[in-house]
Amino acid sequence: MLQKICPKLPMRNKAITKEFYLTRLGFKLLGNTDYEGYLMLVRDEIEIHFFEFRELNPKENYGQVYIRVNEIEKEFEKAKTNRINYTPLDAKSWGQKEFSVLDPDNNLLTFGESA
């Protein structure tokens, strides 16, 4: 039985990634162990892992995660307030309201809620 998925995304600098997700997106550290070159974060039911890839060229990074949310308008306001690079909140033809943000390594996080 499948229970959960935890995407793994590349990061160039652990400290920068950690700061971005903790202070701007409201994630918390998962666990008590600080692994070298690896980062695990959690927020509500969402868990995202990051692996160190110092040679990553952000312009060539296609890391993407789709996150289903409740109260997408509140999430969108948080993104605007926290000076995050975001796309406008938009109603899509496939029945979702969505917006996206880019993290410091150009990983794309799309937030969506049923319209």
PDB file of N, CA and C in Angstrom:
ATOM      1  N   MET A   1       0.839  -1.180   0.000  1.00  0.00           N
ATOM      2  CA  MET A   1       0.000   0.000   0.000  1.00  0.00           C
ATOM      3  C   MET A   1       0.889   1.250   0.000  1.00  0.00           C
ATOM      4  N   LEU A   2       0.667   2.131  -0.949  1.00  0.00           N
ATOM      5  CA  LEU A   2       1.382   3.404  -0.982  1.00  0.00           C
ATOM      6  C   LEU A   2       0.773   4.342   0.053  1.00  0.00           C
ATOM      7  N   GLN A   3       1.619   5.079   0.760  1.00  0.00           N
ATOM      8  CA  GLN A   3       1.104   5.942   1.824  1.00  0.00           C
ATOM      9  C   GLN A   3       1.412   7.415   1.640  1.00  0.00           C
ATOM     10  N   LYS A   4       2.585   7.732   1.103  1.00  0.00           N
ATOM     11  CA  LYS A   4       2.991   9.128   1.048  1.00  0.00           C
ATOM     12  C   LYS A   4       4.112   9.279   0.024  1.00  0.00           C
ATOM     13  N   ILE A   5       4.205  10.456  -0.536  1.00  0.00           N
ATOM     14  CA  ILE A   5       5.317  10.742  -1.440  1.00  0.00           C
ATOM     15  C   ILE A   5       6.092  11.932  -0.877  1.00  0.00           C
ATOM     16  N   CYS A   6       7.396  11.841  -0.925  1.00  0.00           N
ATOM     17  CA  CYS A   6       8.278  12.902  -0.433  1.00  0.00           C
ATOM     18  C   CYS A   6       9.246  13.263  -1.546  1.00  0.00           C
ATOM     19  N   PRO A   7       8.949  14.307  -2.287  1.00  0.00           N
ATOM     20  CA  PRO A   7       9.834  14.677  -3.392  1.00  0.00           C
ATOM     21  C   PRO A   7      11.223  15.070  -2.894  1.00  0.00           C
ATOM     22  N   LYS A   8      12.212  14.811  -3.729  1.00  0.00           N
ATOM     23  CA  LYS A   8      13.592  15.205  -3.463  1.00  0.00           C
ATOM     24  C   LYS A   8      13.997  16.204  -4.534  1.00  0.00           C
ATOM     25  N   LEU A   9      14.393  17.381  -4.107  1.00  0.00           N
ATOM     26  CA  LEU A   9      14.759  18.449  -5.022  1.00  0.00           C
ATOM     27  C   LEU A   9      16.222  18.833  -4.817  1.00  0.00           C
ATOM     28  N   PRO A  10      16.871  19.327  -5.864  1.00  0.00           N
ATOM     29  CA  PRO A  10      18.270  19.736  -5.723  1.00  0.00           C
ATOM     30  C   PRO A  10      18.401  21.097  -5.037  1.00  0.00           C
ATOM     31  N   MET A  11      19.510  21.256  -4.339  1.00  0.00           N
ATOM     32  CA  MET A  11      19.842  22.550  -3.724  1.00  0.00           C
ATOM     33  C   MET A  11      21.339  22.784  -3.870  1.00  0.00           C
ATOM     34  N   ARG A  12      21.709  24.011  -4.106  1.00  0.00           N
ATOM     35  CA  ARG A  12      23.132  24.350  -4.198  1.00  0.00           C
ATOM     36  C   ARG A  12      23.721  24.663  -2.835  1.00  0.00           C
ATOM     37  N   ASN A  13      22.945  25.312  -1.982  1.00  0.00           N
ATOM     38  CA  ASN A  13      23.449  25.771  -0.702  1.00  0.00           C
ATOM     39  C   ASN A  13      22.404  25.464   0.370  1.00  0.00           C
ATOM     40  N   LYS A  14      22.742  24.576   1.266  1.00  0.00           N
ATOM     41  CA  LYS A  14      21.793  24.121   2.291  1.00  0.00           C
ATOM     42  C   LYS A  14      21.297  25.274   3.164  1.00  0.00           C
ATOM     43  N   ALA A  15      22.178  26.168   3.575  1.00  0.00           N
ATOM     44  CA  ALA A  15      21.787  27.273   4.453  1.00  0.00           C
ATOM     45  C   ALA A  15      20.772  28.192   3.770  1.00  0.00           C
ATOM     46  N   ILE A  16      20.993  28.490   2.497  1.00  0.00           N
ATOM     47  CA  ILE A  16      20.075  29.363   1.754  1.00  0.00           C
ATOM     48  C   ILE A  16      18.724  28.685   1.565  1.00  0.00           C
ATOM     49  N   THR A  17      18.729  27.411   1.187  1.00  0.00           N
ATOM     50  CA  THR A  17      17.475  26.670   0.999  1.00  0.00           C
ATOM     51  C   THR A  17      16.712  26.590   2.317  1.00  0.00           C
ATOM     52  N   LYS A  18      17.410  26.256   3.368  1.00  0.00           N
ATOM     53  CA  LYS A  18      16.791  26.137   4.695  1.00  0.00           C
ATOM     54  C   LYS A  18      16.140  27.454   5.113  1.00  0.00           C
ATOM     55  N   GLU A  19      16.862  28.546   4.957  1.00  0.00           N
ATOM     56  CA  GLU A  19      16.325  29.864   5.340  1.00  0.00           C
ATOM     57  C   GLU A  19      15.078  30.206   4.533  1.00  0.00           C
ATOM     58  N   PHE A  20      15.122  29.961   3.232  1.00  0.00           N
ATOM     59  CA  PHE A  20      13.985  30.276   2.367  1.00  0.00           C
ATOM     60  C   PHE A  20      12.733  29.518   2.789  1.00  0.00           C
ATOM     61  N   TYR A  21      12.848  28.211   2.956  1.00  0.00           N
ATOM     62  CA  TYR A  21      11.682  27.401   3.273  1.00  0.00           C
ATOM     63  C   TYR A  21      11.181  27.629   4.700  1.00  0.00           C
ATOM     64  N   LEU A  22      12.078  27.866   5.643  1.00  0.00           N
ATOM     65  CA  LEU A  22      11.657  28.098   7.027  1.00  0.00           C
ATOM     66  C   LEU A  22      11.021  29.466   7.200  1.00  0.00           C
ATOM     67  N   THR A  23      11.664  30.505   6.695  1.00  0.00           N
ATOM     68  CA  THR A  23      11.176  31.857   6.965  1.00  0.00           C
ATOM     69  C   THR A  23      10.145  32.363   5.962  1.00  0.00           C
ATOM     70  N   ARG A  24      10.224  31.914   4.738  1.00  0.00           N
ATOM     71  CA  ARG A  24       9.301  32.455   3.731  1.00  0.00           C
ATOM     72  C   ARG A  24       8.111  31.556   3.434  1.00  0.00           C
ATOM     73  N   LEU A  25       8.280  30.252   3.582  1.00  0.00           N
ATOM     74  CA  LEU A  25       7.171  29.341   3.275  1.00  0.00           C
ATOM     75  C   LEU A  25       6.603  28.640   4.509  1.00  0.00           C
ATOM     76  N   GLY A  26       7.204  28.855   5.664  1.00  0.00           N
ATOM     77  CA  GLY A  26       6.640  28.326   6.903  1.00  0.00           C
ATOM     78  C   GLY A  26       6.892  26.854   7.168  1.00  0.00           C
ATOM     79  N   PHE A  27       7.879  26.262   6.524  1.00  0.00           N
ATOM     80  CA  PHE A  27       8.219  24.867   6.796  1.00  0.00           C
ATOM     81  C   PHE A  27       9.018  24.789   8.098  1.00  0.00           C
ATOM     82  N   LYS A  28       9.144  23.566   8.621  1.00  0.00           N
ATOM     83  CA  LYS A  28       9.947  23.297   9.812  1.00  0.00           C
ATOM     84  C   LYS A  28      10.907  22.166   9.491  1.00  0.00           C
ATOM     85  N   LEU A  29      11.972  22.088  10.280  1.00  0.00           N
ATOM     86  CA  LEU A  29      12.905  20.981  10.123  1.00  0.00           C
ATOM     87  C   LEU A  29      12.231  19.688  10.521  1.00  0.00           C
ATOM     88  N   LEU A  30      12.535  18.632   9.802  1.00  0.00           N
ATOM     89  CA  LEU A  30      12.006  17.312  10.107  1.00  0.00           C
ATOM     90  C   LEU A  30      13.093  16.521  10.824  1.00  0.00           C
ATOM     91  N   GLY A  31      12.814  16.089  12.033  1.00  0.00           N
ATOM     92  CA  GLY A  31      13.781  15.307  12.793  1.00  0.00           C
ATOM     93  C   GLY A  31      14.801  16.171  13.504  1.00  0.00           C
ATOM     94  N   ASN A  32      15.707  15.495  14.208  1.00  0.00           N
ATOM     95  CA  ASN A  32      16.716  16.184  15.018  1.00  0.00           C
ATOM     96  C   ASN A  32      18.128  16.035  14.477  1.00  0.00           C
ATOM     97  N   THR A  33      18.297  15.305  13.397  1.00  0.00           N
ATOM     98  CA  THR A  33      19.625  15.053  12.861  1.00  0.00           C
ATOM     99  C   THR A  33      19.910  15.985  11.692  1.00  0.00           C
ATOM    100  N   ASP A  34      21.095  16.590  11.716  1.00  0.00           N
ATOM    101  CA  ASP A  34      21.523  17.465  10.627  1.00  0.00           C
ATOM    102  C   ASP A  34      22.449  16.662   9.720  1.00  0.00           C
ATOM    103  N   TYR A  35      21.906  16.190   8.602  1.00  0.00           N
ATOM    104  CA  TYR A  35      22.682  15.379   7.670  1.00  0.00           C
ATOM    105  C   TYR A  35      23.495  16.273   6.741  1.00  0.00           C
ATOM    106  N   GLU A  36      24.725  15.915   6.512  1.00  0.00           N
ATOM    107  CA  GLU A  36      25.566  16.674   5.601  1.00  0.00           C
ATOM    108  C   GLU A  36      25.031  16.535   4.174  1.00  0.00           C
ATOM    109  N   GLY A  37      24.807  17.662   3.517  1.00  0.00           N
ATOM    110  CA  GLY A  37      24.369  17.649   2.126  1.00  0.00           C
ATOM    111  C   GLY A  37      22.931  17.205   1.914  1.00  0.00           C
ATOM    112  N   TYR A  38      22.143  17.139   2.988  1.00  0.00           N
ATOM    113  CA  TYR A  38      20.757  16.685   2.857  1.00  0.00           C
ATOM    114  C   TYR A  38      19.895  17.482   3.829  1.00  0.00           C
ATOM    115  N   LEU A  39      18.675  17.801   3.404  1.00  0.00           N
ATOM    116  CA  LEU A  39      17.769  18.610   4.210  1.00  0.00           C
ATOM    117  C   LEU A  39      16.369  18.028   4.097  1.00  0.00           C
ATOM    118  N   MET A  40      15.694  17.876   5.229  1.00  0.00           N
ATOM    119  CA  MET A  40      14.311  17.377   5.249  1.00  0.00           C
ATOM    120  C   MET A  40      13.443  18.409   5.963  1.00  0.00           C
ATOM    121  N   LEU A  41      12.385  18.821   5.280  1.00  0.00           N
ATOM    122  CA  LEU A  41      11.487  19.837   5.810  1.00  0.00           C
ATOM    123  C   LEU A  41      10.054  19.341   5.776  1.00  0.00           C
ATOM    124  N   VAL A  42       9.225  19.903   6.653  1.00  0.00           N
ATOM    125  CA  VAL A  42       7.834  19.499   6.742  1.00  0.00           C
ATOM    126  C   VAL A  42       6.961  20.719   7.047  1.00  0.00           C
ATOM    127  N   ARG A  43       5.779  20.696   6.489  1.00  0.00           N
ATOM    128  CA  ARG A  43       4.741  21.680   6.827  1.00  0.00           C
ATOM    129  C   ARG A  43       3.408  20.986   6.647  1.00  0.00           C
ATOM    130  N   ASP A  44       2.626  20.955   7.705  1.00  0.00           N
ATOM    131  CA  ASP A  44       1.362  20.234   7.718  1.00  0.00           C
ATOM    132  C   ASP A  44       1.617  18.792   7.276  1.00  0.00           C
ATOM    133  N   GLU A  45       1.003  18.349   6.191  1.00  0.00           N
ATOM    134  CA  GLU A  45       1.183  16.970   5.718  1.00  0.00           C
ATOM    135  C   GLU A  45       2.207  16.859   4.587  1.00  0.00           C
ATOM    136  N   ILE A  46       2.865  17.973   4.271  1.00  0.00           N
ATOM    137  CA  ILE A  46       3.804  18.007   3.154  1.00  0.00           C
ATOM    138  C   ILE A  46       5.235  17.847   3.667  1.00  0.00           C
ATOM    139  N   GLU A  47       5.960  16.932   3.066  1.00  0.00           N
ATOM    140  CA  GLU A  47       7.359  16.699   3.390  1.00  0.00           C
ATOM    141  C   GLU A  47       8.166  16.820   2.105  1.00  0.00           C
ATOM    142  N   ILE A  48       9.208  17.658   2.143  1.00  0.00           N
ATOM    143  CA  ILE A  48      10.082  17.827   0.990  1.00  0.00           C
ATOM    144  C   ILE A  48      11.517  17.589   1.441  1.00  0.00           C
ATOM    145  N   HIS A  49      12.252  16.820   0.656  1.00  0.00           N
ATOM    146  CA  HIS A  49      13.657  16.554   0.925  1.00  0.00           C
ATOM    147  C   HIS A  49      14.498  17.269  -0.134  1.00  0.00           C
ATOM    148  N   PHE A  50      15.706  17.645   0.256  1.00  0.00           N
ATOM    149  CA  PHE A  50      16.631  18.319  -0.652  1.00  0.00           C
ATOM    150  C   PHE A  50      17.983  17.628  -0.583  1.00  0.00           C
ATOM    151  N   PHE A  51      18.614  17.462  -1.733  1.00  0.00           N
ATOM    152  CA  PHE A  51      19.952  16.895  -1.784  1.00  0.00           C
ATOM    153  C   PHE A  51      20.901  17.942  -2.351  1.00  0.00           C
ATOM    154  N   GLU A  52      22.103  17.948  -1.840  1.00  0.00           N
ATOM    155  CA  GLU A  52      23.085  18.932  -2.276  1.00  0.00           C
ATOM    156  C   GLU A  52      23.574  18.630  -3.689  1.00  0.00           C
ATOM    157  N   PHE A  53      23.539  19.656  -4.514  1.00  0.00           N
ATOM    158  CA  PHE A  53      24.016  19.580  -5.895  1.00  0.00           C
ATOM    159  C   PHE A  53      24.662  20.933  -6.196  1.00  0.00           C
ATOM    160  N   ARG A  54      25.884  21.107  -5.720  1.00  0.00           N
ATOM    161  CA  ARG A  54      26.570  22.400  -5.802  1.00  0.00           C
ATOM    162  C   ARG A  54      26.772  22.877  -7.232  1.00  0.00           C
ATOM    163  N   GLU A  55      26.905  21.947  -8.178  1.00  0.00           N
ATOM    164  CA  GLU A  55      27.154  22.328  -9.570  1.00  0.00           C
ATOM    165  C   GLU A  55      25.870  22.647 -10.333  1.00  0.00           C
ATOM    166  N   LEU A  56      24.741  22.603  -9.663  1.00  0.00           N
ATOM    167  CA  LEU A  56      23.455  22.861 -10.311  1.00  0.00           C
ATOM    168  C   LEU A  56      23.445  24.234 -10.964  1.00  0.00           C
ATOM    169  N   ASN A  57      23.035  24.271 -12.216  1.00  0.00           N
ATOM    170  CA  ASN A  57      22.792  25.531 -12.905  1.00  0.00           C
ATOM    171  C   ASN A  57      21.293  25.793 -12.789  1.00  0.00           C
ATOM    172  N   PRO A  58      20.878  26.789 -11.998  1.00  0.00           N
ATOM    173  CA  PRO A  58      19.441  27.021 -11.802  1.00  0.00           C
ATOM    174  C   PRO A  58      18.654  27.194 -13.100  1.00  0.00           C
ATOM    175  N   LYS A  59      19.307  27.721 -14.130  1.00  0.00           N
ATOM    176  CA  LYS A  59      18.616  27.911 -15.406  1.00  0.00           C
ATOM    177  C   LYS A  59      18.330  26.585 -16.100  1.00  0.00           C
ATOM    178  N   GLU A  60      18.974  25.514 -15.643  1.00  0.00           N
ATOM    179  CA  GLU A  60      18.758  24.189 -16.225  1.00  0.00           C
ATOM    180  C   GLU A  60      18.037  23.250 -15.265  1.00  0.00           C
ATOM    181  N   ASN A  61      17.508  23.796 -14.176  1.00  0.00           N
ATOM    182  CA  ASN A  61      16.817  22.982 -13.186  1.00  0.00           C
ATOM    183  C   ASN A  61      15.327  22.911 -13.514  1.00  0.00           C
ATOM    184  N   TYR A  62      14.825  21.699 -13.606  1.00  0.00           N
ATOM    185  CA  TYR A  62      13.404  21.498 -13.908  1.00  0.00           C
ATOM    186  C   TYR A  62      12.677  20.831 -12.754  1.00  0.00           C
ATOM    187  N   GLY A  63      13.228  20.942 -11.522  1.00  0.00           N
ATOM    188  CA  GLY A  63      12.567  20.383 -10.346  1.00  0.00           C
ATOM    189  C   GLY A  63      11.218  21.039 -10.130  1.00  0.00           C
ATOM    190  N   GLN A  64      10.180  20.213  -9.935  1.00  0.00           N
ATOM    191  CA  GLN A  64       8.823  20.728  -9.767  1.00  0.00           C
ATOM    192  C   GLN A  64       8.053  19.888  -8.756  1.00  0.00           C
ATOM    193  N   VAL A  65       7.202  20.566  -7.992  1.00  0.00           N
ATOM    194  CA  VAL A  65       6.318  19.893  -7.044  1.00  0.00           C
ATOM    195  C   VAL A  65       4.957  20.576  -7.120  1.00  0.00           C
ATOM    196  N   TYR A  66       3.900  19.779  -7.131  1.00  0.00           N
ATOM    197  CA  TYR A  66       2.532  20.312  -7.092  1.00  0.00           C
ATOM    198  C   TYR A  66       1.992  20.053  -5.696  1.00  0.00           C
ATOM    199  N   ILE A  67       1.548  21.113  -5.018  1.00  0.00           N
ATOM    200  CA  ILE A  67       1.076  21.004  -3.639  1.00  0.00           C
ATOM    201  C   ILE A  67      -0.387  21.410  -3.595  1.00  0.00           C
ATOM    202  N   ARG A  68      -1.234  20.475  -3.208  1.00  0.00           N
ATOM    203  CA  ARG A  68      -2.659  20.779  -3.049  1.00  0.00           C
ATOM    204  C   ARG A  68      -2.863  21.440  -1.694  1.00  0.00           C
ATOM    205  N   VAL A  69      -3.655  22.522  -1.688  1.00  0.00           N
ATOM    206  CA  VAL A  69      -3.857  23.292  -0.466  1.00  0.00           C
ATOM    207  C   VAL A  69      -5.331  23.582  -0.239  1.00  0.00           C
ATOM    208  N   ASN A  70      -5.647  23.963   0.977  1.00  0.00           N
ATOM    209  CA  ASN A  70      -6.929  24.550   1.326  1.00  0.00           C
ATOM    210  C   ASN A  70      -6.684  26.035   1.538  1.00  0.00           C
ATOM    211  N   GLU A  71      -7.648  26.859   1.213  1.00  0.00           N
ATOM    212  CA  GLU A  71      -7.538  28.307   1.403  1.00  0.00           C
ATOM    213  C   GLU A  71      -6.358  28.886   0.617  1.00  0.00           C
ATOM    214  N   ILE A  72      -6.381  28.668  -0.674  1.00  0.00           N
ATOM    215  CA  ILE A  72      -5.268  29.091  -1.525  1.00  0.00           C
ATOM    216  C   ILE A  72      -5.048  30.606  -1.492  1.00  0.00           C
ATOM    217  N   GLU A  73      -6.101  31.356  -1.279  1.00  0.00           N
ATOM    218  CA  GLU A  73      -5.939  32.809  -1.222  1.00  0.00           C
ATOM    219  C   GLU A  73      -5.010  33.209  -0.074  1.00  0.00           C
ATOM    220  N   LYS A  74      -5.110  32.518   1.065  1.00  0.00           N
ATOM    221  CA  LYS A  74      -4.222  32.806   2.198  1.00  0.00           C
ATOM    222  C   LYS A  74      -2.771  32.456   1.851  1.00  0.00           C
ATOM    223  N   GLU A  75      -2.567  31.338   1.154  1.00  0.00           N
ATOM    224  CA  GLU A  75      -1.216  30.956   0.743  1.00  0.00           C
ATOM    225  C   GLU A  75      -0.645  31.987  -0.227  1.00  0.00           C
ATOM    226  N   PHE A  76      -1.471  32.455  -1.118  1.00  0.00           N
ATOM    227  CA  PHE A  76      -1.028  33.449  -2.081  1.00  0.00           C
ATOM    228  C   PHE A  76      -0.640  34.756  -1.388  1.00  0.00           C
ATOM    229  N   GLU A  77      -1.428  35.179  -0.415  1.00  0.00           N
ATOM    230  CA  GLU A  77      -1.113  36.400   0.338  1.00  0.00           C
ATOM    231  C   GLU A  77       0.207  36.251   1.095  1.00  0.00           C
ATOM    232  N   LYS A  78       0.463  35.061   1.651  1.00  0.00           N
ATOM    233  CA  LYS A  78       1.737  34.809   2.333  1.00  0.00           C
ATOM    234  C   LYS A  78       2.902  34.969   1.358  1.00  0.00           C
ATOM    235  N   ALA A  79       2.745  34.440   0.154  1.00  0.00           N
ATOM    236  CA  ALA A  79       3.811  34.548  -0.852  1.00  0.00           C
ATOM    237  C   ALA A  79       4.084  36.013  -1.177  1.00  0.00           C
ATOM    238  N   LYS A  80       3.027  36.783  -1.353  1.00  0.00           N
ATOM    239  CA  LYS A  80       3.196  38.204  -1.655  1.00  0.00           C
ATOM    240  C   LYS A  80       3.853  38.939  -0.489  1.00  0.00           C
ATOM    241  N   THR A  81       3.419  38.658   0.708  1.00  0.00           N
ATOM    242  CA  THR A  81       3.943  39.323   1.906  1.00  0.00           C
ATOM    243  C   THR A  81       5.412  38.992   2.131  1.00  0.00           C
ATOM    244  N   ASN A  82       5.805  37.753   1.820  1.00  0.00           N
ATOM    245  CA  ASN A  82       7.172  37.295   2.087  1.00  0.00           C
ATOM    246  C   ASN A  82       8.130  37.531   0.927  1.00  0.00           C
ATOM    247  N   ARG A  83       7.733  38.381  -0.021  1.00  0.00           N
ATOM    248  CA  ARG A  83       8.606  38.775  -1.135  1.00  0.00           C
ATOM    249  C   ARG A  83       9.170  37.574  -1.893  1.00  0.00           C
ATOM    250  N   ILE A  84       8.295  36.658  -2.199  1.00  0.00           N
ATOM    251  CA  ILE A  84       8.679  35.468  -2.955  1.00  0.00           C
ATOM    252  C   ILE A  84       8.391  35.718  -4.430  1.00  0.00           C
ATOM    253  N   ASN A  85       9.231  35.182  -5.303  1.00  0.00           N
ATOM    254  CA  ASN A  85       9.008  35.256  -6.741  1.00  0.00           C
ATOM    255  C   ASN A  85       7.823  34.343  -7.083  1.00  0.00           C
ATOM    256  N   TYR A  86       6.668  34.920  -7.412  1.00  0.00           N
ATOM    257  CA  TYR A  86       5.452  34.139  -7.626  1.00  0.00           C
ATOM    258  C   TYR A  86       4.751  34.531  -8.920  1.00  0.00           C
ATOM    259  N   THR A  87       3.886  33.619  -9.383  1.00  0.00           N
ATOM    260  CA  THR A  87       3.007  33.913 -10.512  1.00  0.00           C
ATOM    261  C   THR A  87       1.650  34.338  -9.946  1.00  0.00           C
ATOM    262  N   PRO A  88       0.830  35.006 -10.726  1.00  0.00           N
ATOM    263  CA  PRO A  88      -0.491  35.404 -10.240  1.00  0.00           C
ATOM    264  C   PRO A  88      -1.376  34.197  -9.919  1.00  0.00           C
ATOM    265  N   LEU A  89      -2.247  34.373  -8.961  1.00  0.00           N
ATOM    266  CA  LEU A  89      -3.263  33.369  -8.659  1.00  0.00           C
ATOM    267  C   LEU A  89      -4.261  33.382  -9.808  1.00  0.00           C
ATOM    268  N   ASP A  90      -4.525  32.193 -10.371  1.00  0.00           N
ATOM    269  CA  ASP A  90      -5.310  32.130 -11.592  1.00  0.00           C
ATOM    270  C   ASP A  90      -6.217  30.909 -11.571  1.00  0.00           C
ATOM    271  N   ALA A  91      -7.427  31.057 -12.090  1.00  0.00           N
ATOM    272  CA  ALA A  91      -8.341  29.925 -12.257  1.00  0.00           C
ATOM    273  C   ALA A  91      -8.001  29.241 -13.571  1.00  0.00           C
ATOM    274  N   LYS A  92      -7.695  27.964 -13.504  1.00  0.00           N
ATOM    275  CA  LYS A  92      -7.275  27.199 -14.680  1.00  0.00           C
ATOM    276  C   LYS A  92      -8.465  26.473 -15.303  1.00  0.00           C
ATOM    277  N   SER A  93      -8.357  26.157 -16.577  1.00  0.00           N
ATOM    278  CA  SER A  93      -9.442  25.484 -17.299  1.00  0.00           C
ATOM    279  C   SER A  93      -9.681  24.066 -16.788  1.00  0.00           C
ATOM    280  N   TRP A  94      -8.734  23.489 -16.085  1.00  0.00           N
ATOM    281  CA  TRP A  94      -8.893  22.125 -15.561  1.00  0.00           C
ATOM    282  C   TRP A  94      -9.496  22.116 -14.158  1.00  0.00           C
ATOM    283  N   GLY A  95     -10.067  23.256 -13.721  1.00  0.00           N
ATOM    284  CA  GLY A  95     -10.818  23.289 -12.477  1.00  0.00           C
ATOM    285  C   GLY A  95     -10.002  23.531 -11.221  1.00  0.00           C
ATOM    286  N   GLN A  96      -8.826  24.100 -11.374  1.00  0.00           N
ATOM    287  CA  GLN A  96      -7.976  24.402 -10.222  1.00  0.00           C
ATOM    288  C   GLN A  96      -7.697  25.903 -10.183  1.00  0.00           C
ATOM    289  N   LYS A  97      -7.540  26.436  -8.980  1.00  0.00           N
ATOM    290  CA  LYS A  97      -6.963  27.759  -8.780  1.00  0.00           C
ATOM    291  C   LYS A  97      -5.513  27.508  -8.408  1.00  0.00           C
ATOM    292  N   GLU A  98      -4.577  28.190  -9.067  1.00  0.00           N
ATOM    293  CA  GLU A  98      -3.159  27.903  -8.863  1.00  0.00           C
ATOM    294  C   GLU A  98      -2.312  29.164  -8.878  1.00  0.00           C
ATOM    295  N   PHE A  99      -1.167  29.062  -8.198  1.00  0.00           N
ATOM    296  CA  PHE A  99      -0.069  30.005  -8.359  1.00  0.00           C
ATOM    297  C   PHE A  99       1.205  29.220  -8.099  1.00  0.00           C
ATOM    298  N   SER A 100       2.319  29.759  -8.573  1.00  0.00           N
ATOM    299  CA  SER A 100       3.598  29.073  -8.424  1.00  0.00           C
ATOM    300  C   SER A 100       4.632  30.009  -7.830  1.00  0.00           C
ATOM    301  N   VAL A 101       5.631  29.404  -7.175  1.00  0.00           N
ATOM    302  CA  VAL A 101       6.775  30.148  -6.670  1.00  0.00           C
ATOM    303  C   VAL A 101       8.048  29.425  -7.093  1.00  0.00           C
ATOM    304  N   LEU A 102       9.122  30.187  -7.192  1.00  0.00           N
ATOM    305  CA  LEU A 102      10.441  29.619  -7.463  1.00  0.00           C
ATOM    306  C   LEU A 102      11.287  29.761  -6.207  1.00  0.00           C
ATOM    307  N   ASP A 103      11.974  28.679  -5.841  1.00  0.00           N
ATOM    308  CA  ASP A 103      12.894  28.761  -4.711  1.00  0.00           C
ATOM    309  C   ASP A 103      14.252  29.256  -5.213  1.00  0.00           C
ATOM    310  N   PRO A 104      15.236  29.426  -4.340  1.00  0.00           N
ATOM    311  CA  PRO A 104      16.527  29.974  -4.775  1.00  0.00           C
ATOM    312  C   PRO A 104      17.257  29.151  -5.838  1.00  0.00           C
ATOM    313  N   ASP A 105      16.883  27.886  -6.020  1.00  0.00           N
ATOM    314  CA  ASP A 105      17.532  27.038  -7.020  1.00  0.00           C
ATOM    315  C   ASP A 105      16.666  26.798  -8.247  1.00  0.00           C
ATOM    316  N   ASN A 106      15.593  27.575  -8.379  1.00  0.00           N
ATOM    317  CA  ASN A 106      14.659  27.479  -9.496  1.00  0.00           C
ATOM    318  C   ASN A 106      13.794  26.222  -9.457  1.00  0.00           C
ATOM    319  N   ASN A 107      13.640  25.606  -8.287  1.00  0.00           N
ATOM    320  CA  ASN A 107      12.646  24.557  -8.141  1.00  0.00           C
ATOM    321  C   ASN A 107      11.286  25.235  -8.162  1.00  0.00           C
ATOM    322  N   LEU A 108      10.368  24.713  -8.944  1.00  0.00           N
ATOM    323  CA  LEU A 108       9.044  25.297  -9.096  1.00  0.00           C
ATOM    324  C   LEU A 108       8.067  24.597  -8.170  1.00  0.00           C
ATOM    325  N   LEU A 109       7.442  25.364  -7.291  1.00  0.00           N
ATOM    326  CA  LEU A 109       6.397  24.828  -6.418  1.00  0.00           C
ATOM    327  C   LEU A 109       5.080  25.441  -6.864  1.00  0.00           C
ATOM    328  N   THR A 110       4.163  24.604  -7.309  1.00  0.00           N
ATOM    329  CA  THR A 110       2.850  25.083  -7.720  1.00  0.00           C
ATOM    330  C   THR A 110       1.848  24.697  -6.648  1.00  0.00           C
ATOM    331  N   PHE A 111       1.102  25.676  -6.179  1.00  0.00           N
ATOM    332  CA  PHE A 111       0.075  25.482  -5.168  1.00  0.00           C
ATOM    333  C   PHE A 111      -1.272  25.490  -5.867  1.00  0.00           C
ATOM    334  N   GLY A 112      -2.111  24.510  -5.572  1.00  0.00           N
ATOM    335  CA  GLY A 112      -3.394  24.405  -6.245  1.00  0.00           C
ATOM    336  C   GLY A 112      -4.519  23.985  -5.325  1.00  0.00           C
ATOM    337  N   GLU A 113      -5.715  24.477  -5.665  1.00  0.00           N
ATOM    338  CA  GLU A 113      -6.932  24.130  -4.929  1.00  0.00           C
ATOM    339  C   GLU A 113      -8.073  24.008  -5.918  1.00  0.00           C
ATOM    340  N   SER A 114      -8.964  23.068  -5.688  1.00  0.00           N
ATOM    341  CA  SER A 114     -10.117  22.917  -6.574  1.00  0.00           C
ATOM    342  C   SER A 114     -10.915  24.204  -6.606  1.00  0.00           C
ATOM    343  N   ALA A 115     -11.273  24.626  -7.803  1.00  0.00           N
ATOM    344  CA  ALA A 115     -12.017  25.893  -7.970  1.00  0.00           C
ATOM    345  C   ALA A 115     -13.470  25.717  -7.590  1.00  0.00           C
TER     346      ALA A 115
END
